[in-house]
Amino acid sequence: MSAAIHRLSTANLHALAASLRSGPLSLGLSRHSLIQIAGPQTDDVLTYLQRLADTGMSTAQVAFVIEAITEARSASAVLGQAIDIILSGPEVSGIAISDTIATVRTLVAEATHEVILVGYAVHNAKPIFELLASRMAAQKTLSVIFCLDISRRRGDTSLESEIVRRFARDFRDKHWPWPDLPKLYYDPRSLSENPLQRSSLHAKCVIADRTRALITSANFTEAAWLRNIELGVLLRYEPLAARLAAYIDGLIVTQFFSTVAL
């Protein structure tokens, strides 16, 4: 019978709680008093309310239950607007999909002061970063921060500084040829000469203005953003986006991440 309650509109739930608290239904549960609020759901709603009353609840206490249901619905609606799933890949009947690169471009276009990009692999990324570079050129106060994985290939005995230098040259030549440069950081553990001590910066996310973020399986590669099957979550919820950004801040401020000179 509780399903009947959930079929009522939010406005009707508010009206029901008010009537139970201080209106006609506060004087006793009756079909006559309920019909204007519940309409075709009247009988089922009345049965549900009566079941609550039979447990010993007063009408004021039943009103509290209805208000709690209403608040939970409102919170769920807000959550639905704040969080979305980003599915890139072949279409499946009945399932809405989104374009990962379009989502990132929207975040970049909406950003007013900062974009943080964290990723593992970068390949053929110039078309991906072009909008971001143009936004930097147009808005000089826009801060762009990259945190990327720099790995030591098997058998490469080069100094860490040499591997980082090669990565920086490759990044400038192939992925970011524009004059306005971002800040770039990496995890130096990935370049340890001891394979057992190496780690990877495997996270992938884009954070805009610390208020919006995309957490995704997609790397900064043309294939990942245009062709692959990729799954992600878009957060338009400042507390979570700010928490992500604060974590990246911490890794940079404590010098857990090292700077790449571009």
C-alpha atoms as a PDB file:
ATOM      1  CA  MET A   1       0.000   0.000   0.000  1.00  0.00           C
ATOM      2  CA  SER A   2       2.964   2.350   0.504  1.00  0.00           C
ATOM      3  CA  ALA A   3       3.272   2.461  -3.296  1.00  0.00           C
ATOM      4  CA  ALA A   4       0.120   4.570  -3.337  1.00  0.00           C
ATOM      5  CA  ILE A   5       1.868   7.206  -1.216  1.00  0.00           C
ATOM      6  CA  HIS A   6       4.739   7.353  -3.686  1.00  0.00           C
ATOM      7  CA  ARG A   7       2.307   7.876  -6.550  1.00  0.00           C
ATOM      8  CA  LEU A   8       1.090  11.136  -4.992  1.00  0.00           C
ATOM      9  CA  SER A   9       2.672  14.345  -6.237  1.00  0.00           C
ATOM     10  CA  THR A  10       5.003  16.268  -3.956  1.00  0.00           C
ATOM     11  CA  ALA A  11       2.377  18.998  -3.606  1.00  0.00           C
ATOM     12  CA  ASN A  12      -0.203  16.426  -2.550  1.00  0.00           C
ATOM     13  CA  LEU A  13       2.206  14.911  -0.044  1.00  0.00           C
ATOM     14  CA  HIS A  14       2.690  18.351   1.512  1.00  0.00           C
ATOM     15  CA  ALA A  15      -1.086  18.801   1.631  1.00  0.00           C
ATOM     16  CA  LEU A  16      -1.533  15.377   3.213  1.00  0.00           C
ATOM     17  CA  ALA A  17       1.031  16.112   5.935  1.00  0.00           C
ATOM     18  CA  ALA A  18      -0.559  19.491   6.661  1.00  0.00           C
ATOM     19  CA  SER A  19      -4.039  17.970   6.934  1.00  0.00           C
ATOM     20  CA  LEU A  20      -2.748  15.245   9.268  1.00  0.00           C
ATOM     21  CA  ARG A  21      -0.972  17.794  11.438  1.00  0.00           C
ATOM     22  CA  SER A  22      -3.632  20.481  11.800  1.00  0.00           C
ATOM     23  CA  GLY A  23      -6.340  20.017   9.194  1.00  0.00           C
ATOM     24  CA  PRO A  24      -9.391  17.750   8.810  1.00  0.00           C
ATOM     25  CA  LEU A  25      -7.376  14.535   8.972  1.00  0.00           C
ATOM     26  CA  SER A  26      -5.985  15.551  12.354  1.00  0.00           C
ATOM     27  CA  LEU A  27      -9.485  14.966  13.715  1.00  0.00           C
ATOM     28  CA  GLY A  28      -9.546  11.425  12.379  1.00  0.00           C
ATOM     29  CA  LEU A  29      -8.805   9.429   9.244  1.00  0.00           C
ATOM     30  CA  SER A  30     -11.710   9.460   6.815  1.00  0.00           C
ATOM     31  CA  ARG A  31     -12.197   8.864   3.141  1.00  0.00           C
ATOM     32  CA  HIS A  32     -14.167  12.097   2.791  1.00  0.00           C
ATOM     33  CA  SER A  33     -11.319  14.213   4.165  1.00  0.00           C
ATOM     34  CA  LEU A  34      -8.726  12.401   2.079  1.00  0.00           C
ATOM     35  CA  ILE A  35     -10.336  12.230  -1.355  1.00  0.00           C
ATOM     36  CA  GLN A  36      -9.519  15.807  -2.364  1.00  0.00           C
ATOM     37  CA  ILE A  37      -5.849  15.152  -1.663  1.00  0.00           C
ATOM     38  CA  ALA A  38      -5.380  11.574  -2.861  1.00  0.00           C
ATOM     39  CA  GLY A  39      -7.926  11.359  -5.676  1.00  0.00           C
ATOM     40  CA  PRO A  40      -7.913   7.898  -7.299  1.00  0.00           C
ATOM     41  CA  GLN A  41      -5.333   6.726  -4.751  1.00  0.00           C
ATOM     42  CA  THR A  42      -7.658   7.515  -1.847  1.00  0.00           C
ATOM     43  CA  ASP A  43      -8.534   3.979  -0.786  1.00  0.00           C
ATOM     44  CA  ASP A  44      -4.971   2.705  -0.913  1.00  0.00           C
ATOM     45  CA  VAL A  45      -3.609   5.794   0.857  1.00  0.00           C
ATOM     46  CA  LEU A  46      -6.289   5.513   3.524  1.00  0.00           C
ATOM     47  CA  THR A  47      -5.378   1.870   4.112  1.00  0.00           C
ATOM     48  CA  TYR A  48      -1.707   2.815   4.471  1.00  0.00           C
ATOM     49  CA  LEU A  49      -2.459   5.637   6.904  1.00  0.00           C
ATOM     50  CA  GLN A  50      -4.750   3.385   8.907  1.00  0.00           C
ATOM     51  CA  ARG A  51      -2.009   0.771   9.192  1.00  0.00           C
ATOM     52  CA  LEU A  52       0.302   3.426  10.642  1.00  0.00           C
ATOM     53  CA  ALA A  53      -2.408   4.562  13.045  1.00  0.00           C
ATOM     54  CA  ASP A  54      -3.016   0.976  14.129  1.00  0.00           C
ATOM     55  CA  THR A  55       0.571   0.817  15.394  1.00  0.00           C
ATOM     56  CA  GLY A  56      -0.334   3.508  17.902  1.00  0.00           C
ATOM     57  CA  MET A  57       0.828   6.548  15.947  1.00  0.00           C
ATOM     58  CA  SER A  58      -1.014   9.821  16.403  1.00  0.00           C
ATOM     59  CA  THR A  59      -2.011  11.802  13.314  1.00  0.00           C
ATOM     60  CA  ALA A  60       0.867  14.199  14.085  1.00  0.00           C
ATOM     61  CA  GLN A  61       3.292  11.279  14.056  1.00  0.00           C
ATOM     62  CA  VAL A  62       1.816   9.980  10.797  1.00  0.00           C
ATOM     63  CA  ALA A  63       2.290  13.499   9.401  1.00  0.00           C
ATOM     64  CA  PHE A  64       5.965  13.268  10.380  1.00  0.00           C
ATOM     65  CA  VAL A  65       6.288  10.030   8.356  1.00  0.00           C
ATOM     66  CA  ILE A  66       4.693  11.674   5.310  1.00  0.00           C
ATOM     67  CA  GLU A  67       7.015  14.684   5.647  1.00  0.00           C
ATOM     68  CA  ALA A  68      10.010  12.347   5.807  1.00  0.00           C
ATOM     69  CA  ILE A  69       8.871  10.646   2.593  1.00  0.00           C
ATOM     70  CA  THR A  70       8.503  14.063   0.947  1.00  0.00           C
ATOM     71  CA  GLU A  71      11.985  15.180   2.032  1.00  0.00           C
ATOM     72  CA  ALA A  72      13.519  11.930   0.779  1.00  0.00           C
ATOM     73  CA  ARG A  73      11.879  12.460  -2.607  1.00  0.00           C
ATOM     74  CA  SER A  74      13.225  16.034  -2.799  1.00  0.00           C
ATOM     75  CA  ALA A  75      16.711  14.877  -1.875  1.00  0.00           C
ATOM     76  CA  SER A  76      16.536  12.163  -4.529  1.00  0.00           C
ATOM     77  CA  ALA A  77      15.508  14.720  -7.161  1.00  0.00           C
ATOM     78  CA  VAL A  78      18.449  16.954  -6.265  1.00  0.00           C
ATOM     79  CA  LEU A  79      20.813  13.978  -6.384  1.00  0.00           C
ATOM     80  CA  GLY A  80      19.487  13.047  -9.824  1.00  0.00           C
ATOM     81  CA  GLN A  81      20.373  16.528 -11.083  1.00  0.00           C
ATOM     82  CA  ALA A  82      23.789  16.497  -9.404  1.00  0.00           C
ATOM     83  CA  ILE A  83      25.010  13.097 -10.614  1.00  0.00           C
ATOM     84  CA  ASP A  84      24.806  11.605 -14.087  1.00  0.00           C
ATOM     85  CA  ILE A  85      26.321   8.546 -15.746  1.00  0.00           C
ATOM     86  CA  ILE A  86      28.362   9.202 -18.879  1.00  0.00           C
ATOM     87  CA  LEU A  87      28.263   6.188 -21.185  1.00  0.00           C
ATOM     88  CA  SER A  88      30.242   6.376 -24.433  1.00  0.00           C
ATOM     89  CA  GLY A  89      30.020   3.620 -26.998  1.00  0.00           C
ATOM     90  CA  PRO A  90      27.565   1.765 -29.226  1.00  0.00           C
ATOM     91  CA  GLU A  91      23.923   2.557 -28.677  1.00  0.00           C
ATOM     92  CA  VAL A  92      21.785   0.109 -26.708  1.00  0.00           C
ATOM     93  CA  SER A  93      18.002   0.282 -27.032  1.00  0.00           C
ATOM     94  CA  GLY A  94      16.395   2.037 -24.085  1.00  0.00           C
ATOM     95  CA  ILE A  95      19.690   3.254 -22.562  1.00  0.00           C
ATOM     96  CA  ALA A  96      20.707   6.899 -22.865  1.00  0.00           C
ATOM     97  CA  ILE A  97      24.374   7.358 -23.749  1.00  0.00           C
ATOM     98  CA  SER A  98      26.579  10.436 -23.674  1.00  0.00           C
ATOM     99  CA  ASP A  99      29.666  11.568 -25.543  1.00  0.00           C
ATOM    100  CA  THR A 100      32.687  11.697 -23.236  1.00  0.00           C
ATOM    101  CA  ILE A 101      34.492  14.345 -25.261  1.00  0.00           C
ATOM    102  CA  ALA A 102      31.335  16.480 -25.431  1.00  0.00           C
ATOM    103  CA  THR A 103      31.023  16.268 -21.658  1.00  0.00           C
ATOM    104  CA  VAL A 104      34.647  17.350 -21.179  1.00  0.00           C
ATOM    105  CA  ARG A 105      34.253  20.184 -23.663  1.00  0.00           C
ATOM    106  CA  THR A 106      31.203  21.387 -21.749  1.00  0.00           C
ATOM    107  CA  LEU A 107      33.175  21.380 -18.499  1.00  0.00           C
ATOM    108  CA  VAL A 108      36.003  23.299 -20.169  1.00  0.00           C
ATOM    109  CA  ALA A 109      33.643  25.790 -21.786  1.00  0.00           C
ATOM    110  CA  GLU A 110      31.888  26.438 -18.475  1.00  0.00           C
ATOM    111  CA  ALA A 111      35.102  26.845 -16.447  1.00  0.00           C
ATOM    112  CA  THR A 112      35.871  30.391 -15.355  1.00  0.00           C
ATOM    113  CA  HIS A 113      39.054  30.090 -13.267  1.00  0.00           C
ATOM    114  CA  GLU A 114      40.468  26.552 -13.129  1.00  0.00           C
ATOM    115  CA  VAL A 115      40.551  23.188 -14.904  1.00  0.00           C
ATOM    116  CA  ILE A 116      42.354  20.188 -13.402  1.00  0.00           C
ATOM    117  CA  LEU A 117      42.998  17.182 -15.640  1.00  0.00           C
ATOM    118  CA  VAL A 118      44.276  13.887 -14.221  1.00  0.00           C
ATOM    119  CA  GLY A 119      45.099  11.012 -16.546  1.00  0.00           C
ATOM    120  CA  TYR A 120      47.160   7.949 -17.280  1.00  0.00           C
ATOM    121  CA  ALA A 121      47.720   7.844 -21.057  1.00  0.00           C
ATOM    122  CA  VAL A 122      48.036  10.705 -23.558  1.00  0.00           C
ATOM    123  CA  HIS A 123      47.954   9.966 -27.295  1.00  0.00           C
ATOM    124  CA  ASN A 124      46.891  12.075 -30.290  1.00  0.00           C
ATOM    125  CA  ALA A 125      45.514  14.539 -27.755  1.00  0.00           C
ATOM    126  CA  LYS A 126      45.992  17.801 -29.645  1.00  0.00           C
ATOM    127  CA  PRO A 127      42.373  17.864 -30.931  1.00  0.00           C
ATOM    128  CA  ILE A 128      41.197  17.043 -27.411  1.00  0.00           C
ATOM    129  CA  PHE A 129      43.133  19.888 -25.758  1.00  0.00           C
ATOM    130  CA  GLU A 130      42.542  22.512 -28.448  1.00  0.00           C
ATOM    131  CA  LEU A 131      39.440  24.018 -26.826  1.00  0.00           C
ATOM    132  CA  LEU A 132      41.214  24.183 -23.482  1.00  0.00           C
ATOM    133  CA  ALA A 133      44.173  25.983 -25.057  1.00  0.00           C
ATOM    134  CA  SER A 134      41.905  28.477 -26.781  1.00  0.00           C
ATOM    135  CA  ARG A 135      40.136  29.170 -23.490  1.00  0.00           C
ATOM    136  CA  MET A 136      43.527  29.825 -21.844  1.00  0.00           C
ATOM    137  CA  ALA A 137      44.471  32.219 -24.642  1.00  0.00           C
ATOM    138  CA  ALA A 138      41.186  34.105 -24.350  1.00  0.00           C
ATOM    139  CA  GLN A 139      41.081  34.151 -20.547  1.00  0.00           C
ATOM    140  CA  LYS A 140      44.569  34.650 -19.166  1.00  0.00           C
ATOM    141  CA  THR A 141      43.427  34.059 -15.585  1.00  0.00           C
ATOM    142  CA  LEU A 142      42.272  30.512 -16.354  1.00  0.00           C
ATOM    143  CA  SER A 143      44.539  28.065 -14.529  1.00  0.00           C
ATOM    144  CA  VAL A 144      45.068  24.676 -16.187  1.00  0.00           C
ATOM    145  CA  ILE A 145      46.706  21.888 -14.208  1.00  0.00           C
ATOM    146  CA  PHE A 146      47.673  18.482 -15.614  1.00  0.00           C
ATOM    147  CA  CYS A 147      48.611  15.508 -13.467  1.00  0.00           C
ATOM    148  CA  LEU A 148      49.821  12.763 -15.791  1.00  0.00           C
ATOM    149  CA  ASP A 149      51.553   9.423 -15.564  1.00  0.00           C
ATOM    150  CA  ILE A 150      55.159   9.325 -16.764  1.00  0.00           C
ATOM    151  CA  SER A 151      56.327   5.743 -16.972  1.00  0.00           C
ATOM    152  CA  ARG A 152      59.704   4.074 -17.304  1.00  0.00           C
ATOM    153  CA  ARG A 153      59.681   1.624 -20.186  1.00  0.00           C
ATOM    154  CA  ARG A 154      61.042  -1.842 -19.607  1.00  0.00           C
ATOM    155  CA  GLY A 155      64.792  -1.856 -20.029  1.00  0.00           C
ATOM    156  CA  ASP A 156      65.103   1.954 -19.928  1.00  0.00           C
ATOM    157  CA  THR A 157      67.959   2.795 -17.579  1.00  0.00           C
ATOM    158  CA  SER A 158      67.871   6.555 -18.252  1.00  0.00           C
ATOM    159  CA  LEU A 159      67.968   9.038 -15.424  1.00  0.00           C
ATOM    160  CA  GLU A 160      64.562  10.152 -14.153  1.00  0.00           C
ATOM    161  CA  SER A 161      65.331  13.699 -15.308  1.00  0.00           C
ATOM    162  CA  GLU A 162      65.977  12.470 -18.861  1.00  0.00           C
ATOM    163  CA  ILE A 163      62.717  10.511 -19.050  1.00  0.00           C
ATOM    164  CA  VAL A 164      60.803  13.546 -17.777  1.00  0.00           C
ATOM    165  CA  ARG A 165      62.587  15.795 -20.283  1.00  0.00           C
ATOM    166  CA  ARG A 166      61.593  13.473 -23.158  1.00  0.00           C
ATOM    167  CA  PHE A 167      57.995  13.391 -21.916  1.00  0.00           C
ATOM    168  CA  ALA A 168      57.866  17.197 -21.728  1.00  0.00           C
ATOM    169  CA  ARG A 169      59.237  17.527 -25.271  1.00  0.00           C
ATOM    170  CA  ASP A 170      56.726  14.984 -26.562  1.00  0.00           C
ATOM    171  CA  PHE A 171      53.877  16.720 -24.735  1.00  0.00           C
ATOM    172  CA  ARG A 172      54.778  20.097 -26.251  1.00  0.00           C
ATOM    173  CA  ASP A 173      55.397  18.748 -29.759  1.00  0.00           C
ATOM    174  CA  LYS A 174      52.425  16.403 -30.092  1.00  0.00           C
ATOM    175  CA  HIS A 175      49.766  17.444 -27.620  1.00  0.00           C
ATOM    176  CA  TRP A 176      50.213  21.084 -26.546  1.00  0.00           C
ATOM    177  CA  PRO A 177      51.938  23.223 -29.203  1.00  0.00           C
ATOM    178  CA  TRP A 178      50.323  26.466 -28.013  1.00  0.00           C
ATOM    179  CA  PRO A 179      52.208  29.289 -26.252  1.00  0.00           C
ATOM    180  CA  ASP A 180      50.048  29.495 -23.107  1.00  0.00           C
ATOM    181  CA  LEU A 181      51.297  26.596 -21.016  1.00  0.00           C
ATOM    182  CA  PRO A 182      49.541  24.593 -18.314  1.00  0.00           C
ATOM    183  CA  LYS A 183      51.147  23.419 -15.092  1.00  0.00           C
ATOM    184  CA  LEU A 184      52.163  19.771 -15.338  1.00  0.00           C
ATOM    185  CA  TYR A 185      52.861  17.317 -12.513  1.00  0.00           C
ATOM    186  CA  TYR A 186      53.724  13.615 -12.224  1.00  0.00           C
ATOM    187  CA  ASP A 187      54.244  10.947  -9.566  1.00  0.00           C
ATOM    188  CA  PRO A 188      58.005  10.272  -9.404  1.00  0.00           C
ATOM    189  CA  ARG A 189      57.417   6.788  -8.005  1.00  0.00           C
ATOM    190  CA  SER A 190      56.463   5.705 -11.532  1.00  0.00           C
ATOM    191  CA  LEU A 191      60.086   6.236 -12.562  1.00  0.00           C
ATOM    192  CA  SER A 192      61.731   4.242  -9.792  1.00  0.00           C
ATOM    193  CA  GLU A 193      64.596   2.093 -11.031  1.00  0.00           C
ATOM    194  CA  ASN A 194      63.268  -0.712  -8.843  1.00  0.00           C
ATOM    195  CA  PRO A 195      60.233  -2.283 -10.588  1.00  0.00           C
ATOM    196  CA  LEU A 196      58.843  -3.401  -7.236  1.00  0.00           C
ATOM    197  CA  GLN A 197      58.648   0.219  -6.081  1.00  0.00           C
ATOM    198  CA  ARG A 198      56.976   1.663  -9.174  1.00  0.00           C
ATOM    199  CA  SER A 199      53.392   2.854  -9.218  1.00  0.00           C
ATOM    200  CA  SER A 200      51.108   4.417 -11.808  1.00  0.00           C
ATOM    201  CA  LEU A 201      49.003   7.530 -11.797  1.00  0.00           C
ATOM    202  CA  HIS A 202      46.045   5.572 -13.104  1.00  0.00           C
ATOM    203  CA  ALA A 203      43.198   7.940 -12.146  1.00  0.00           C
ATOM    204  CA  LYS A 204      41.266   9.806 -14.845  1.00  0.00           C
ATOM    205  CA  CYS A 205      39.186  12.880 -14.091  1.00  0.00           C
ATOM    206  CA  VAL A 206      38.494  16.449 -15.157  1.00  0.00           C
ATOM    207  CA  ILE A 207      37.578  19.028 -12.506  1.00  0.00           C
ATOM    208  CA  ALA A 208      36.170  22.448 -13.438  1.00  0.00           C
ATOM    209  CA  ASP A 209      36.197  25.326 -10.943  1.00  0.00           C
ATOM    210  CA  ARG A 210      36.137  22.801  -8.070  1.00  0.00           C
ATOM    211  CA  THR A 211      32.361  22.622  -8.497  1.00  0.00           C
ATOM    212  CA  ARG A 212      31.969  20.079 -11.310  1.00  0.00           C
ATOM    213  CA  ALA A 213      33.908  16.935 -12.179  1.00  0.00           C
ATOM    214  CA  LEU A 214      33.953  13.999 -14.564  1.00  0.00           C
ATOM    215  CA  ILE A 215      35.414  10.771 -13.174  1.00  0.00           C
ATOM    216  CA  THR A 216      35.911   8.454 -16.126  1.00  0.00           C
ATOM    217  CA  SER A 217      37.628   5.360 -17.460  1.00  0.00           C
ATOM    218  CA  ALA A 218      38.708   7.406 -20.505  1.00  0.00           C
ATOM    219  CA  ASN A 219      42.345   8.352 -20.993  1.00  0.00           C
ATOM    220  CA  PHE A 220      43.416  11.508 -22.816  1.00  0.00           C
ATOM    221  CA  THR A 221      43.494   9.707 -26.127  1.00  0.00           C
ATOM    222  CA  GLU A 222      41.580  10.206 -29.336  1.00  0.00           C
ATOM    223  CA  ALA A 223      40.396   6.596 -29.265  1.00  0.00           C
ATOM    224  CA  ALA A 224      39.148   6.804 -25.695  1.00  0.00           C
ATOM    225  CA  TRP A 225      37.174   9.995 -26.246  1.00  0.00           C
ATOM    226  CA  LEU A 226      35.832   9.227 -29.724  1.00  0.00           C
ATOM    227  CA  ARG A 227      35.593   5.458 -30.257  1.00  0.00           C
ATOM    228  CA  ASN A 228      36.050   3.345 -27.157  1.00  0.00           C
ATOM    229  CA  ILE A 229      33.421   2.082 -24.750  1.00  0.00           C
ATOM    230  CA  GLU A 230      34.028   4.274 -21.701  1.00  0.00           C
ATOM    231  CA  LEU A 231      32.098   4.635 -18.452  1.00  0.00           C
ATOM    232  CA  GLY A 232      32.099   7.651 -16.173  1.00  0.00           C
ATOM    233  CA  VAL A 233      30.214   9.698 -13.602  1.00  0.00           C
ATOM    234  CA  LEU A 234      29.561  13.421 -13.976  1.00  0.00           C
ATOM    235  CA  LEU A 235      29.299  15.308 -10.689  1.00  0.00           C
ATOM    236  CA  ARG A 236      27.671  18.711 -10.578  1.00  0.00           C
ATOM    237  CA  TYR A 237      27.950  18.719  -6.802  1.00  0.00           C
ATOM    238  CA  GLU A 238      30.461  21.127  -5.296  1.00  0.00           C
ATOM    239  CA  PRO A 239      31.336  19.224  -2.077  1.00  0.00           C
ATOM    240  CA  LEU A 240      32.516  16.151  -4.011  1.00  0.00           C
ATOM    241  CA  ALA A 241      34.242  18.111  -6.784  1.00  0.00           C
ATOM    242  CA  ALA A 242      36.005  20.287  -4.199  1.00  0.00           C
ATOM    243  CA  ARG A 243      37.121  17.171  -2.309  1.00  0.00           C
ATOM    244  CA  LEU A 244      38.688  15.765  -5.480  1.00  0.00           C
ATOM    245  CA  ALA A 245      40.483  19.044  -6.158  1.00  0.00           C
ATOM    246  CA  ALA A 246      41.672  19.283  -2.557  1.00  0.00           C
ATOM    247  CA  TYR A 247      43.236  15.826  -2.820  1.00  0.00           C
ATOM    248  CA  ILE A 248      45.156  16.881  -5.935  1.00  0.00           C
ATOM    249  CA  ASP A 249      46.174  20.080  -4.136  1.00  0.00           C
ATOM    250  CA  GLY A 250      47.532  18.015  -1.274  1.00  0.00           C
ATOM    251  CA  LEU A 251      49.662  15.868  -3.553  1.00  0.00           C
ATOM    252  CA  ILE A 252      51.113  18.993  -5.149  1.00  0.00           C
ATOM    253  CA  VAL A 253      51.610  21.107  -2.015  1.00  0.00           C
ATOM    254  CA  THR A 254      53.311  18.285  -0.118  1.00  0.00           C
ATOM    255  CA  GLN A 255      55.535  17.703  -3.170  1.00  0.00           C
ATOM    256  CA  PHE A 256      54.349  14.128  -3.459  1.00  0.00           C
ATOM    257  CA  PHE A 257      53.911  15.108  -7.102  1.00  0.00           C
ATOM    258  CA  SER A 258      56.852  16.637  -8.937  1.00  0.00           C
ATOM    259  CA  THR A 259      56.758  19.458 -11.480  1.00  0.00           C
ATOM    260  CA  VAL A 260      57.459  18.977 -15.177  1.00  0.00           C
ATOM    261  CA  ALA A 261      59.203  21.939 -16.798  1.00  0.00           C
ATOM    262  CA  LEU A 262      57.539  22.688 -20.149  1.00  0.00           C
END
